[in-house]
Amino acid sequence: MNYSYELIEIYKKSKGYSQDKQAAMDIPKLSKGVLANIKAGTRHLTAEQALFIASEANLNEQEVIINLGIEKSKSEEEKTVYEAIAKKIKAVGNSAAMLLLTAGLVLGVAQNEPEGSVCT
């Protein structure tokens, strides 16, 4: 399954839809014919359509656009650049998550210390 159609499937699931035509009616500028071509792998979602799905399904918009770019890549070099960007975005996201987790742990320990004591 191609990435564009995966996004449509995610959208359908998020809305409780069972049919492609239900999604086609919601997604901007998406006819049933274009949807059939996306499903067949001969067309891709536009950035506008992908961003609509990301917004409606609470997906990371940056990752959606990067993955759409990977799917639309016409050369291996272009695909490699998009994949490198995707790795950087994930690394930043993972670093931010670790930082938040660490801060939460520190705050949790500090709140459990007796008043007037110093955390070591």
Protein backbone atom coordinates (compact mmCIF):
# COMPACT_ATOMS: atom_id res chain seq x y z
CA MET A 1 0.00 0.00 0.00
CA ASN A 2 1.35 3.44 -0.89
CA TYR A 3 1.64 6.26 1.63
CA SER A 4 -1.14 8.38 0.11
CA TYR A 5 -3.61 5.55 0.41
CA GLU A 6 -2.39 4.76 3.94
CA LEU A 7 -3.27 8.34 4.87
CA ILE A 8 -6.74 7.90 3.40
CA GLU A 9 -7.16 4.69 5.41
CA ILE A 10 -6.05 6.51 8.58
CA TYR A 11 -8.54 9.28 7.82
CA LYS A 12 -11.35 6.78 7.27
CA LYS A 13 -10.57 5.05 10.55
CA SER A 14 -10.43 8.36 12.44
CA LYS A 15 -13.88 9.29 11.12
CA GLY A 16 -15.40 5.84 11.50
CA TYR A 17 -15.88 5.49 7.74
CA SER A 18 -15.95 2.14 5.99
CA GLN A 19 -16.05 3.30 2.37
CA ASP A 20 -13.56 5.22 0.24
CA LYS A 21 -16.34 7.39 -1.21
CA GLN A 22 -17.08 8.76 2.27
CA ALA A 23 -13.50 10.01 2.54
CA ALA A 24 -13.56 11.34 -1.03
CA MET A 25 -16.52 13.55 -0.14
CA ASP A 26 -14.61 15.16 2.78
CA ILE A 27 -11.06 15.52 1.43
CA PRO A 28 -10.60 18.70 -0.65
CA LYS A 29 -10.45 18.23 -4.44
CA LEU A 30 -10.57 14.43 -4.21
CA SER A 31 -12.90 12.75 -6.66
CA LYS A 32 -13.72 9.05 -6.61
CA GLY A 33 -11.69 8.67 -9.82
CA VAL A 34 -8.59 10.28 -8.35
CA LEU A 35 -9.04 8.18 -5.24
CA ALA A 36 -9.12 5.03 -7.38
CA ASN A 37 -5.85 6.13 -9.01
CA ILE A 38 -4.29 6.77 -5.59
CA LYS A 39 -5.38 3.32 -4.46
CA ALA A 40 -3.82 1.85 -7.63
CA GLY A 41 -0.60 3.75 -6.96
CA THR A 42 -0.69 5.87 -10.12
CA ARG A 43 -1.43 9.17 -8.33
CA HIS A 44 -0.62 10.76 -5.00
CA LEU A 45 -2.37 13.06 -2.60
CA THR A 46 -1.54 16.73 -2.93
CA ALA A 47 0.15 18.53 -0.05
CA GLU A 48 -3.16 20.31 0.63
CA GLN A 49 -5.01 16.99 0.89
CA ALA A 50 -2.32 15.41 3.05
CA LEU A 51 -2.34 18.39 5.42
CA PHE A 52 -6.13 18.21 5.65
CA ILE A 53 -5.90 14.54 6.66
CA ALA A 54 -3.09 15.29 9.12
CA SER A 55 -5.18 17.98 10.77
CA GLU A 56 -8.35 15.89 10.91
CA ALA A 57 -6.61 12.72 12.13
CA ASN A 58 -4.23 14.49 14.55
CA LEU A 59 -1.08 13.44 12.71
CA ASN A 60 2.27 15.23 12.74
CA GLU A 61 2.01 17.54 9.72
CA GLN A 62 5.77 17.69 9.17
CA GLU A 63 6.09 13.91 9.07
CA VAL A 64 3.12 13.64 6.72
CA ILE A 65 4.60 16.13 4.25
CA ILE A 66 8.05 14.53 4.41
CA ASN A 67 6.61 11.03 3.86
CA LEU A 68 4.50 12.34 0.97
CA GLY A 69 7.68 13.83 -0.50
CA ILE A 70 9.41 10.46 -0.18
CA GLU A 71 6.50 8.82 -1.99
CA LYS A 72 6.54 11.40 -4.80
CA SER A 73 10.33 11.36 -5.22
CA LYS A 74 11.42 10.94 -8.80
CA SER A 75 15.02 9.99 -8.04
CA GLU A 76 16.90 8.05 -5.39
CA GLU A 77 18.86 11.19 -4.53
CA GLU A 78 15.65 13.12 -3.82
CA LYS A 79 14.28 10.21 -1.78
CA THR A 80 17.51 10.03 0.25
CA VAL A 81 17.29 13.75 1.09
CA TYR A 82 13.68 13.41 2.28
CA GLU A 83 14.59 10.35 4.36
CA ALA A 84 17.47 12.25 6.00
CA ILE A 85 15.09 15.09 6.89
CA ALA A 86 12.61 12.57 8.33
CA LYS A 87 15.34 11.07 10.53
CA LYS A 88 16.27 14.53 11.83
CA ILE A 89 12.65 15.32 12.67
CA LYS A 90 12.29 12.03 14.53
CA ALA A 91 15.57 12.61 16.38
CA VAL A 92 14.44 16.06 17.51
CA GLY A 93 11.09 14.62 18.58
CA ASN A 94 12.78 11.83 20.52
CA SER A 95 15.17 14.29 22.17
CA ALA A 96 12.29 16.54 23.19
CA ALA A 97 10.39 13.56 24.60
CA MET A 98 13.42 12.48 26.64
CA LEU A 99 13.88 16.03 27.91
CA LEU A 100 10.24 16.21 29.02
CA LEU A 101 10.48 12.80 30.66
CA THR A 102 13.63 13.83 32.54
CA ALA A 103 12.06 17.11 33.65
CA GLY A 104 8.99 15.23 34.85
CA LEU A 105 11.10 12.83 36.86
CA VAL A 106 13.10 15.63 38.44
CA LEU A 107 9.94 17.52 39.36
CA GLY A 108 8.39 14.36 40.76
CA VAL A 109 11.41 13.71 42.98
CA ALA A 110 11.55 17.35 44.08
CA GLN A 111 7.85 17.32 45.05
CA ASN A 112 8.35 14.21 47.19
CA GLU A 113 11.25 15.71 49.18
CA PRO A 114 10.50 16.90 52.72
CA GLU A 115 10.17 20.67 53.06
CA GLY A 116 13.50 22.39 53.56
CA SER A 117 15.60 19.48 52.27
CA VAL A 118 17.83 19.74 49.24
CA CYS A 119 17.62 17.19 46.44
CA THR A 120 20.95 15.57 45.75
